[in-house]
């Protein structure tokens, strides 16, 4: 007898009494259901297309990914606070601390509301391949006309937890930052003191879309993104600040803070790539963290544009 189709794309044999097999790469059914159904949140299908509860814990790389996604709004907050504060306001440091407080509280609250509720530990499903992040692209079409929407979050909760975190960051910022800036940012004009907040209202939607569209790509590429951005931004900052020697770094404490911040990011990228699976082989790689800054300081005097132009003029 020809098989008939269930409501969610599962093939239901007409005469043979066996468990039906579901269509689609990520469609499945719960243990007690006969027909196919959407797996509840916190579950994913096993090899037999049966929904199983995610009982694992995020591994080290998963936590590093979540840490990277948590750092993005914080780094952007700091950048725009510094950008719009300039040299006119002495309140930049307090705004930096407030941004750190907002993101830290948002991260803690996000972990507390994620299953198991009330604990800083979370249960998760293991990421197996890139397609796990884009299950909505694998909804089956049994008759090539009707699409059966039966997919679920296969990488629970790595995909949705980022959105929850960004929502808490935005709410805390809107509750705390305007009152703080209004009281302490007296060195700025009325139109300038809130610009760092306005900037956040732009970059939070951008970060949300970035996670929605490129979450899976970021999961695999974020260590290399950190390394490249830390190198580029450090070189741009030193060039813009006219840092050409170790003495120039010691003139202002702010330059040292920026330097150590880039070193921390560089170390984070190296740890994310190596995962520290073999400590005796991976830990020595951290000795490379100061290498780009040292290379820049050693070679800066040879690449100064005015010197190159003067030597070129003397040659003619």
Foldseek 3Di string as FASTA:
>chain_A
DAWDAFPQAWTHRDPDPDQTAHDWDWWAPEPPDRHTAAADPQWTQDPRRYTDGQAAFDDLLLVLLVVLLLCVLLVLLLVLLCVLLPPQAPCSVVSNVLLVVQSVVLLQCLCCCEPVHRDNTHTWADDDDLCLQVRQVTFDDPPVPDTRRRHYNRGPPSQVSSVSSLVSSLVSCVVPVVVVLVPGGPSDDPVRSCVSVVVSVPVSVVSNVCSSVPVSVCSVCVLVVLQVVLLVVLLVVCVVQVPQAPVSCVVDVVSVVSLVVSLVSNLSSLCSVVVCPDVVPRVVVSVCSCVSVVVCNVCVVVPDVVVVVVVVVVVD
